[in-house]
Amino acid sequence: RQDWSHAYHIGKLCEKLKFSYETSLSYYDKAIALNPSAVDPVYRMHASHLKILCACRKQNLDALKVFSS
């Protein structure tokens, strides 16, 4: 079984290195799937959603497409 923290930290790195939104959020999603009781990836997923939405202010269509899927 894979460790959820590995996927979580890769997601954080992708976000810090300004990879695509899909990439970092997919790693957070993978961490949540590996351990649904872990709070950190769930918190980071929601915080990232809010951060991206506040930054783009409905002008970045790529960000909105990621959230709609």
Protein backbone atom coordinates (compact mmCIF):
# COMPACT_ATOMS: atom_id res chain seq x y z
CA ARG A 1 0.00 0.00 0.00
CA GLN A 2 1.32 3.40 -0.93
CA ASP A 3 1.77 6.07 1.67
CA TRP A 4 -0.71 8.93 1.30
CA SER A 5 1.80 11.50 2.57
CA HIS A 6 4.02 10.93 -0.49
CA ALA A 7 1.20 11.95 -2.86
CA TYR A 8 0.26 14.83 -0.54
CA HIS A 9 3.77 16.30 -0.52
CA ILE A 10 4.17 15.89 -4.28
CA GLY A 11 0.93 17.85 -4.67
CA LYS A 12 2.29 20.60 -2.44
CA LEU A 13 5.50 20.73 -4.47
CA CYS A 14 3.57 20.90 -7.74
CA GLU A 15 1.54 23.78 -6.36
CA LYS A 16 4.65 25.66 -5.16
CA LEU A 17 6.46 25.10 -8.47
CA LYS A 18 3.39 26.42 -10.34
CA PHE A 19 2.56 23.25 -12.25
CA SER A 20 -0.91 23.08 -13.75
CA TYR A 21 -3.86 23.15 -11.39
CA GLU A 22 -4.90 19.69 -12.54
CA THR A 23 -1.57 18.18 -11.55
CA SER A 24 -1.45 19.40 -7.97
CA LEU A 25 -5.13 18.74 -7.34
CA SER A 26 -4.84 15.23 -8.76
CA TYR A 27 -2.10 14.42 -6.24
CA TYR A 28 -4.26 15.75 -3.40
CA ASP A 29 -7.11 13.61 -4.70
CA LYS A 30 -4.83 10.57 -4.77
CA ALA A 31 -3.73 11.23 -1.18
CA ILE A 32 -7.36 11.45 -0.09
CA ALA A 33 -8.15 8.18 -1.87
CA LEU A 34 -5.23 6.42 -0.17
CA ASN A 35 -6.28 7.55 3.31
CA PRO A 36 -9.76 9.11 3.54
CA SER A 37 -9.38 9.75 7.28
CA ALA A 38 -6.35 12.04 6.84
CA VAL A 39 -7.25 15.68 7.37
CA ASP A 40 -4.25 17.37 5.72
CA PRO A 41 -4.98 16.50 2.07
CA VAL A 42 -8.67 17.36 2.43
CA TYR A 43 -7.81 20.73 3.97
CA ARG A 44 -5.17 21.44 1.30
CA MET A 45 -7.60 20.50 -1.50
CA HIS A 46 -10.21 22.98 -0.26
CA ALA A 47 -7.64 25.67 0.51
CA SER A 48 -6.16 25.31 -2.97
CA HIS A 49 -9.58 25.60 -4.56
CA LEU A 50 -10.24 28.84 -2.68
CA LYS A 51 -6.79 30.23 -3.43
CA ILE A 52 -7.12 29.54 -7.14
CA LEU A 53 -10.64 30.93 -7.36
CA CYS A 54 -9.69 34.11 -5.51
CA ALA A 55 -6.61 34.61 -7.67
CA CYS A 56 -8.32 34.14 -11.03
CA ARG A 57 -11.60 35.91 -10.18
CA LYS A 58 -13.57 33.99 -12.82
CA GLN A 59 -11.22 35.14 -15.59
CA ASN A 60 -9.10 31.99 -15.93
CA LEU A 61 -11.11 29.44 -17.90
CA ASP A 62 -8.55 26.67 -17.29
CA ALA A 63 -9.03 26.92 -13.53
CA LEU A 64 -12.81 26.88 -13.86
CA LYS A 65 -12.64 23.80 -16.12
CA VAL A 66 -10.57 21.95 -13.50
CA PHE A 67 -13.16 22.64 -10.82
CA SER A 68 -16.07 21.64 -12.98
CA SER A 69 -14.65 18.15 -13.57
